[in-house]
């Protein structure tokens, strides 16, 4: 599996930080089948195949600025929006990278960054193999790393601008049948953010002044939130 090849690749690389200091990286033993089954039981669904394969041979990674524990970090605020999730990486400031699992078995993990400063939920990418490679690039000072882009820049950009939001009237005219269907359930207070097929760093601010109700459209990676300063209205 690609993720196991990616793990072996980064183990063989030289880990040197921005100051030229060698990093002593530790790769912990994998989780047992019983631990993995327990993790799935806690989530209420199955783990993506790449995450389970990785966690079976590597329980976590230590030595860099990110804390990585594939047995999970417990609960975060994202549960209402990502009801079946595993928080597996931590930035040391109370923010987590999480796997979004659905009832449909998945080969590759969909990864989100849940942040409280700024208060945003951002898409990180698909696949644990790519995430492992990005961890190496981030830890060794590559500012082009997708992890740096999400953690370092995009969280504030999204907080300030709320890019990619779709108003209800625009959604009703969308060529996408799922977006049109969702818009039919909403009133004019609501905006939609579609994270089904977006680049790393796309997301929305969940703590912005004036926004209250935030919901997910079933198991689709589509979210709606309401501007409570507006009055409800139809077409």
C-alpha atoms as a PDB file:
ATOM      1  CA  UNK A   1       0.000   0.000   0.000  1.00  0.00           C
ATOM      2  CA  UNK A   2       1.243   3.510  -0.860  1.00  0.00           C
ATOM      3  CA  UNK A   3       0.988   4.691   2.735  1.00  0.00           C
ATOM      4  CA  UNK A   4       3.430   2.036   3.956  1.00  0.00           C
ATOM      5  CA  UNK A   5       5.878   2.940   1.208  1.00  0.00           C
ATOM      6  CA  UNK A   6       5.543   6.612   2.196  1.00  0.00           C
ATOM      7  CA  UNK A   7       6.234   5.733   5.832  1.00  0.00           C
ATOM      8  CA  UNK A   8       9.400   3.835   4.919  1.00  0.00           C
ATOM      9  CA  UNK A   9      10.478   6.694   2.649  1.00  0.00           C
ATOM     10  CA  UNK A  10      10.260   9.388   5.321  1.00  0.00           C
ATOM     11  CA  UNK A  11      11.999   7.138   7.860  1.00  0.00           C
ATOM     12  CA  UNK A  12      15.047   7.071   5.571  1.00  0.00           C
ATOM     13  CA  UNK A  13      15.184  10.829   5.000  1.00  0.00           C
ATOM     14  CA  UNK A  14      17.405  13.302   6.847  1.00  0.00           C
ATOM     15  CA  UNK A  15      15.271  15.321   9.250  1.00  0.00           C
ATOM     16  CA  UNK A  16      17.004  18.703   9.646  1.00  0.00           C
ATOM     17  CA  UNK A  17      15.084  21.761  10.856  1.00  0.00           C
ATOM     18  CA  UNK A  18      15.260  25.344   9.554  1.00  0.00           C
ATOM     19  CA  UNK A  19      18.227  26.097  11.833  1.00  0.00           C
ATOM     20  CA  UNK A  20      20.165  23.143  10.470  1.00  0.00           C
ATOM     21  CA  UNK A  21      19.698  21.082  13.627  1.00  0.00           C
ATOM     22  CA  UNK A  22      19.203  17.350  13.178  1.00  0.00           C
ATOM     23  CA  UNK A  23      15.861  16.144  14.501  1.00  0.00           C
ATOM     24  CA  UNK A  24      15.702  12.880  16.416  1.00  0.00           C
ATOM     25  CA  UNK A  25      12.492  11.348  15.122  1.00  0.00           C
ATOM     26  CA  UNK A  26      10.798   8.393  16.810  1.00  0.00           C
ATOM     27  CA  UNK A  27       8.310   6.127  15.049  1.00  0.00           C
ATOM     28  CA  UNK A  28       6.327   4.168  17.609  1.00  0.00           C
ATOM     29  CA  UNK A  29       5.180   0.541  17.319  1.00  0.00           C
ATOM     30  CA  UNK A  30       1.842  -0.028  15.627  1.00  0.00           C
ATOM     31  CA  UNK A  31      -1.507  -0.525  17.308  1.00  0.00           C
ATOM     32  CA  UNK A  32      -2.871  -4.003  17.902  1.00  0.00           C
ATOM     33  CA  UNK A  33      -5.920  -5.326  16.088  1.00  0.00           C
ATOM     34  CA  UNK A  34      -7.827  -4.994  19.360  1.00  0.00           C
ATOM     35  CA  UNK A  35      -6.834  -1.321  19.660  1.00  0.00           C
ATOM     36  CA  UNK A  36      -7.831  -0.619  16.071  1.00  0.00           C
ATOM     37  CA  UNK A  37     -11.157  -2.399  16.541  1.00  0.00           C
ATOM     38  CA  UNK A  38     -11.725  -0.359  19.700  1.00  0.00           C
ATOM     39  CA  UNK A  39     -10.984   2.860  17.834  1.00  0.00           C
ATOM     40  CA  UNK A  40     -13.574   1.932  15.228  1.00  0.00           C
ATOM     41  CA  UNK A  41     -16.073   1.061  17.949  1.00  0.00           C
ATOM     42  CA  UNK A  42     -15.546   4.472  19.576  1.00  0.00           C
ATOM     43  CA  UNK A  43     -16.070   6.186  16.194  1.00  0.00           C
ATOM     44  CA  UNK A  44     -19.099   4.123  15.279  1.00  0.00           C
ATOM     45  CA  UNK A  45     -17.814   3.284  11.795  1.00  0.00           C
ATOM     46  CA  UNK A  46     -14.807   1.822   9.975  1.00  0.00           C
ATOM     47  CA  UNK A  47     -11.446   3.507   9.559  1.00  0.00           C
ATOM     48  CA  UNK A  48     -10.231   4.326   6.054  1.00  0.00           C
ATOM     49  CA  UNK A  49      -8.035   1.504   4.762  1.00  0.00           C
ATOM     50  CA  UNK A  50      -4.890   3.650   4.532  1.00  0.00           C
ATOM     51  CA  UNK A  51      -5.255   4.924   8.102  1.00  0.00           C
ATOM     52  CA  UNK A  52      -5.779   1.447   9.524  1.00  0.00           C
ATOM     53  CA  UNK A  53      -2.820   0.048   7.563  1.00  0.00           C
ATOM     54  CA  UNK A  54      -0.575   2.875   8.764  1.00  0.00           C
ATOM     55  CA  UNK A  55      -1.675   2.695  12.408  1.00  0.00           C
ATOM     56  CA  UNK A  56      -1.096  -1.075  12.415  1.00  0.00           C
ATOM     57  CA  UNK A  57       2.644  -0.535  11.860  1.00  0.00           C
ATOM     58  CA  UNK A  58       3.183   2.961  13.348  1.00  0.00           C
ATOM     59  CA  UNK A  59       1.383   4.129  16.474  1.00  0.00           C
ATOM     60  CA  UNK A  60       2.689   7.687  16.274  1.00  0.00           C
ATOM     61  CA  UNK A  61       5.578  10.006  15.407  1.00  0.00           C
ATOM     62  CA  UNK A  62       7.557  12.144  17.837  1.00  0.00           C
ATOM     63  CA  UNK A  63      10.469  14.534  17.550  1.00  0.00           C
ATOM     64  CA  UNK A  64       9.074  17.394  15.497  1.00  0.00           C
ATOM     65  CA  UNK A  65       6.796  20.303  16.320  1.00  0.00           C
ATOM     66  CA  UNK A  66       3.673  18.282  15.510  1.00  0.00           C
ATOM     67  CA  UNK A  67       2.396  15.637  17.916  1.00  0.00           C
ATOM     68  CA  UNK A  68       1.152  12.603  15.986  1.00  0.00           C
ATOM     69  CA  UNK A  69      -0.695   9.768  17.703  1.00  0.00           C
ATOM     70  CA  UNK A  70      -2.632   7.354  15.515  1.00  0.00           C
ATOM     71  CA  UNK A  71      -4.516   5.956  18.519  1.00  0.00           C
ATOM     72  CA  UNK A  72      -6.376   9.302  18.693  1.00  0.00           C
ATOM     73  CA  UNK A  73      -6.425  12.402  20.891  1.00  0.00           C
ATOM     74  CA  UNK A  74      -9.978  12.065  22.187  1.00  0.00           C
ATOM     75  CA  UNK A  75     -12.743  14.598  21.645  1.00  0.00           C
ATOM     76  CA  UNK A  76     -12.550  17.919  19.825  1.00  0.00           C
ATOM     77  CA  UNK A  77     -15.220  20.506  18.984  1.00  0.00           C
ATOM     78  CA  UNK A  78     -15.769  19.064  15.476  1.00  0.00           C
ATOM     79  CA  UNK A  79     -18.089  16.225  16.560  1.00  0.00           C
ATOM     80  CA  UNK A  80     -21.314  17.963  15.390  1.00  0.00           C
ATOM     81  CA  UNK A  81     -19.826  18.504  11.903  1.00  0.00           C
ATOM     82  CA  UNK A  82     -17.635  15.402  11.594  1.00  0.00           C
ATOM     83  CA  UNK A  83     -19.566  12.916  13.747  1.00  0.00           C
ATOM     84  CA  UNK A  84     -17.250   9.974  12.964  1.00  0.00           C
ATOM     85  CA  UNK A  85     -13.715  11.274  13.310  1.00  0.00           C
ATOM     86  CA  UNK A  86     -10.275  10.506  14.709  1.00  0.00           C
ATOM     87  CA  UNK A  87      -8.060  13.369  15.884  1.00  0.00           C
ATOM     88  CA  UNK A  88      -4.554  12.080  15.131  1.00  0.00           C
ATOM     89  CA  UNK A  89      -2.230  15.100  14.969  1.00  0.00           C
ATOM     90  CA  UNK A  90      -1.878  18.169  17.192  1.00  0.00           C
ATOM     91  CA  UNK A  91      -0.081  21.458  16.598  1.00  0.00           C
ATOM     92  CA  UNK A  92       0.653  22.122  20.286  1.00  0.00           C
ATOM     93  CA  UNK A  93      -1.857  24.994  20.462  1.00  0.00           C
ATOM     94  CA  UNK A  94      -5.124  23.120  20.887  1.00  0.00           C
ATOM     95  CA  UNK A  95      -5.760  22.511  17.181  1.00  0.00           C
ATOM     96  CA  UNK A  96      -6.033  19.094  15.548  1.00  0.00           C
ATOM     97  CA  UNK A  97      -5.838  17.301  12.233  1.00  0.00           C
ATOM     98  CA  UNK A  98      -8.719  14.845  12.038  1.00  0.00           C
ATOM     99  CA  UNK A  99      -9.931  12.052   9.777  1.00  0.00           C
ATOM    100  CA  UNK A 100     -13.532  12.419   8.603  1.00  0.00           C
ATOM    101  CA  UNK A 101     -15.061   8.948   8.340  1.00  0.00           C
ATOM    102  CA  UNK A 102     -18.427   8.090   6.854  1.00  0.00           C
ATOM    103  CA  UNK A 103     -20.559   4.957   6.820  1.00  0.00           C
ATOM    104  CA  UNK A 104     -19.256   4.180   3.315  1.00  0.00           C
ATOM    105  CA  UNK A 105     -15.878   2.352   3.561  1.00  0.00           C
ATOM    106  CA  UNK A 106     -13.032   4.439   2.143  1.00  0.00           C
ATOM    107  CA  UNK A 107      -9.630   3.491   0.779  1.00  0.00           C
ATOM    108  CA  UNK A 108      -8.049   6.868   1.554  1.00  0.00           C
ATOM    109  CA  UNK A 109      -8.492   9.252   4.467  1.00  0.00           C
ATOM    110  CA  UNK A 110     -10.153  12.661   4.125  1.00  0.00           C
ATOM    111  CA  UNK A 111      -8.225  14.975   6.432  1.00  0.00           C
ATOM    112  CA  UNK A 112      -9.381  18.241   7.993  1.00  0.00           C
ATOM    113  CA  UNK A 113      -7.676  20.792  10.231  1.00  0.00           C
ATOM    114  CA  UNK A 114      -9.880  21.945  13.097  1.00  0.00           C
ATOM    115  CA  UNK A 115      -8.645  25.232  14.515  1.00  0.00           C
ATOM    116  CA  UNK A 116      -9.773  27.615  17.261  1.00  0.00           C
ATOM    117  CA  UNK A 117      -7.349  30.451  16.422  1.00  0.00           C
ATOM    118  CA  UNK A 118      -8.642  31.474  13.947  1.00  0.00           C
ATOM    119  CA  UNK A 119     -11.891  29.493  14.475  1.00  0.00           C
ATOM    120  CA  UNK A 120     -12.060  27.606  11.190  1.00  0.00           C
ATOM    121  CA  UNK A 121     -12.484  24.122   9.748  1.00  0.00           C
ATOM    122  CA  UNK A 122     -10.183  23.607   6.760  1.00  0.00           C
ATOM    123  CA  UNK A 123      -9.697  20.783   4.283  1.00  0.00           C
ATOM    124  CA  UNK A 124      -6.128  19.423   4.470  1.00  0.00           C
ATOM    125  CA  UNK A 125      -6.153  16.723   1.803  1.00  0.00           C
ATOM    126  CA  UNK A 126      -6.842  13.109   0.889  1.00  0.00           C
ATOM    127  CA  UNK A 127      -4.606  10.208   1.798  1.00  0.00           C
ATOM    128  CA  UNK A 128      -2.278   9.428   4.687  1.00  0.00           C
ATOM    129  CA  UNK A 129       0.632   8.793   2.299  1.00  0.00           C
ATOM    130  CA  UNK A 130       0.565  12.392   1.123  1.00  0.00           C
ATOM    131  CA  UNK A 131       0.085  13.670   4.679  1.00  0.00           C
ATOM    132  CA  UNK A 132       3.215  11.829   5.860  1.00  0.00           C
ATOM    133  CA  UNK A 133       5.264  13.407   3.077  1.00  0.00           C
ATOM    134  CA  UNK A 134       3.871  16.831   3.936  1.00  0.00           C
ATOM    135  CA  UNK A 135       4.811  16.305   7.603  1.00  0.00           C
ATOM    136  CA  UNK A 136       8.418  15.830   6.527  1.00  0.00           C
ATOM    137  CA  UNK A 137       8.374  18.944   4.337  1.00  0.00           C
ATOM    138  CA  UNK A 138       6.732  21.011   7.074  1.00  0.00           C
ATOM    139  CA  UNK A 139       9.077  19.906   9.841  1.00  0.00           C
ATOM    140  CA  UNK A 140      12.171  20.552   7.730  1.00  0.00           C
ATOM    141  CA  UNK A 141      11.125  24.115   6.950  1.00  0.00           C
ATOM    142  CA  UNK A 142       9.539  23.873   3.509  1.00  0.00           C
ATOM    143  CA  UNK A 143       7.126  26.823   3.409  1.00  0.00           C
ATOM    144  CA  UNK A 144       5.504  25.304   0.307  1.00  0.00           C
ATOM    145  CA  UNK A 145       4.265  22.363   2.363  1.00  0.00           C
ATOM    146  CA  UNK A 146       0.485  21.972   2.264  1.00  0.00           C
ATOM    147  CA  UNK A 147       0.552  21.682   6.055  1.00  0.00           C
ATOM    148  CA  UNK A 148       2.243  25.064   6.346  1.00  0.00           C
ATOM    149  CA  UNK A 149      -0.213  26.501   3.834  1.00  0.00           C
ATOM    150  CA  UNK A 150      -3.188  25.379   5.911  1.00  0.00           C
ATOM    151  CA  UNK A 151      -1.755  25.899   9.385  1.00  0.00           C
ATOM    152  CA  UNK A 152       0.263  29.012   8.671  1.00  0.00           C
ATOM    153  CA  UNK A 153      -1.690  31.048   6.136  1.00  0.00           C
ATOM    154  CA  UNK A 154      -5.080  29.768   5.068  1.00  0.00           C
ATOM    155  CA  UNK A 155      -6.678  29.698   8.516  1.00  0.00           C
ATOM    156  CA  UNK A 156      -6.491  33.488   8.734  1.00  0.00           C
ATOM    157  CA  UNK A 157      -7.401  34.032   5.090  1.00  0.00           C
ATOM    158  CA  UNK A 158     -10.525  31.911   5.460  1.00  0.00           C
ATOM    159  CA  UNK A 159     -11.415  33.603   8.740  1.00  0.00           C
ATOM    160  CA  UNK A 160     -11.184  37.050   7.179  1.00  0.00           C
ATOM    161  CA  UNK A 161     -12.804  36.392   3.793  1.00  0.00           C
ATOM    162  CA  UNK A 162     -15.010  33.251   3.964  1.00  0.00           C
ATOM    163  CA  UNK A 163     -14.085  32.289   0.375  1.00  0.00           C
ATOM    164  CA  UNK A 164     -16.216  29.998  -1.722  1.00  0.00           C
ATOM    165  CA  UNK A 165     -19.482  30.501   0.125  1.00  0.00           C
ATOM    166  CA  UNK A 166     -22.642  30.067  -1.936  1.00  0.00           C
ATOM    167  CA  UNK A 167     -25.744  32.107  -1.162  1.00  0.00           C
ATOM    168  CA  UNK A 168     -29.160  30.428  -1.331  1.00  0.00           C
ATOM    169  CA  UNK A 169     -30.264  32.177  -4.525  1.00  0.00           C
ATOM    170  CA  UNK A 170     -27.035  31.230  -6.273  1.00  0.00           C
ATOM    171  CA  UNK A 171     -27.394  27.665  -4.971  1.00  0.00           C
ATOM    172  CA  UNK A 172     -30.922  27.333  -6.368  1.00  0.00           C
ATOM    173  CA  UNK A 173     -29.489  28.021  -9.842  1.00  0.00           C
ATOM    174  CA  UNK A 174     -26.477  25.737  -9.415  1.00  0.00           C
ATOM    175  CA  UNK A 175     -25.788  23.077 -12.088  1.00  0.00           C
ATOM    176  CA  UNK A 176     -25.053  20.700  -9.187  1.00  0.00           C
ATOM    177  CA  UNK A 177     -28.207  18.755  -8.265  1.00  0.00           C
ATOM    178  CA  UNK A 178     -27.064  18.189  -4.675  1.00  0.00           C
ATOM    179  CA  UNK A 179     -26.509  21.916  -4.102  1.00  0.00           C
ATOM    180  CA  UNK A 180     -29.911  22.737  -5.620  1.00  0.00           C
ATOM    181  CA  UNK A 181     -31.599  20.134  -3.426  1.00  0.00           C
ATOM    182  CA  UNK A 182     -29.970  21.519  -0.295  1.00  0.00           C
ATOM    183  CA  UNK A 183     -30.900  25.103  -1.183  1.00  0.00           C
ATOM    184  CA  UNK A 184     -34.534  24.041  -1.358  1.00  0.00           C
ATOM    185  CA  UNK A 185     -34.467  23.280   2.363  1.00  0.00           C
ATOM    186  CA  UNK A 186     -32.967  26.639   3.355  1.00  0.00           C
ATOM    187  CA  UNK A 187     -34.011  30.254   3.689  1.00  0.00           C
ATOM    188  CA  UNK A 188     -32.078  33.389   2.783  1.00  0.00           C
ATOM    189  CA  UNK A 189     -30.126  33.500   6.033  1.00  0.00           C
ATOM    190  CA  UNK A 190     -28.046  30.502   4.981  1.00  0.00           C
ATOM    191  CA  UNK A 191     -24.853  30.153   3.000  1.00  0.00           C
ATOM    192  CA  UNK A 192     -23.385  26.890   1.717  1.00  0.00           C
ATOM    193  CA  UNK A 193     -19.768  25.767   1.621  1.00  0.00           C
ATOM    194  CA  UNK A 194     -19.005  22.784  -0.599  1.00  0.00           C
ATOM    195  CA  UNK A 195     -15.851  20.901   0.460  1.00  0.00           C
ATOM    196  CA  UNK A 196     -16.334  17.803  -1.685  1.00  0.00           C
ATOM    197  CA  UNK A 197     -13.647  18.630  -4.228  1.00  0.00           C
ATOM    198  CA  UNK A 198     -11.479  21.517  -3.097  1.00  0.00           C
ATOM    199  CA  UNK A 199      -7.746  22.256  -2.730  1.00  0.00           C
ATOM    200  CA  UNK A 200      -5.966  22.148   0.642  1.00  0.00           C
ATOM    201  CA  UNK A 201      -6.811  25.145   2.789  1.00  0.00           C
ATOM    202  CA  UNK A 202     -10.395  25.614   1.667  1.00  0.00           C
ATOM    203  CA  UNK A 203     -12.960  25.735   4.460  1.00  0.00           C
ATOM    204  CA  UNK A 204     -15.097  28.064   6.522  1.00  0.00           C
ATOM    205  CA  UNK A 205     -15.041  30.068   9.749  1.00  0.00           C
ATOM    206  CA  UNK A 206     -17.279  28.522  12.381  1.00  0.00           C
ATOM    207  CA  UNK A 207     -16.812  31.261  14.996  1.00  0.00           C
ATOM    208  CA  UNK A 208     -17.405  34.399  12.944  1.00  0.00           C
ATOM    209  CA  UNK A 209     -19.580  37.102  14.569  1.00  0.00           C
ATOM    210  CA  UNK A 210     -23.162  36.894  13.388  1.00  0.00           C
ATOM    211  CA  UNK A 211     -23.029  33.212  12.487  1.00  0.00           C
ATOM    212  CA  UNK A 212     -24.801  30.715  14.670  1.00  0.00           C
ATOM    213  CA  UNK A 213     -26.341  27.621  13.139  1.00  0.00           C
ATOM    214  CA  UNK A 214     -23.849  25.337  11.395  1.00  0.00           C
ATOM    215  CA  UNK A 215     -24.903  21.971  10.011  1.00  0.00           C
ATOM    216  CA  UNK A 216     -23.687  19.290   7.654  1.00  0.00           C
ATOM    217  CA  UNK A 217     -25.778  17.970   4.774  1.00  0.00           C
ATOM    218  CA  UNK A 218     -26.009  14.282   5.653  1.00  0.00           C
ATOM    219  CA  UNK A 219     -22.680  12.572   5.007  1.00  0.00           C
ATOM    220  CA  UNK A 220     -21.803  14.879   2.133  1.00  0.00           C
ATOM    221  CA  UNK A 221     -18.860  17.187   2.811  1.00  0.00           C
ATOM    222  CA  UNK A 222     -21.173  20.150   2.368  1.00  0.00           C
ATOM    223  CA  UNK A 223     -21.911  22.555   5.235  1.00  0.00           C
ATOM    224  CA  UNK A 224     -24.434  25.315   5.791  1.00  0.00           C
ATOM    225  CA  UNK A 225     -24.371  28.179   8.236  1.00  0.00           C
ATOM    226  CA  UNK A 226     -26.781  30.975   9.028  1.00  0.00           C
ATOM    227  CA  UNK A 227     -26.269  34.700   9.453  1.00  0.00           C
ATOM    228  CA  UNK A 228     -28.494  35.249  12.473  1.00  0.00           C
ATOM    229  CA  UNK A 229     -28.596  38.997  11.837  1.00  0.00           C
ATOM    230  CA  UNK A 230     -30.795  38.334   8.788  1.00  0.00           C
ATOM    231  CA  UNK A 231     -34.472  37.572   8.871  1.00  0.00           C
ATOM    232  CA  UNK A 232     -35.694  34.296   7.452  1.00  0.00           C
ATOM    233  CA  UNK A 233     -37.159  34.530   3.978  1.00  0.00           C
ATOM    234  CA  UNK A 234     -38.090  32.370   1.031  1.00  0.00           C
ATOM    235  CA  UNK A 235     -37.631  32.824  -2.652  1.00  0.00           C
END
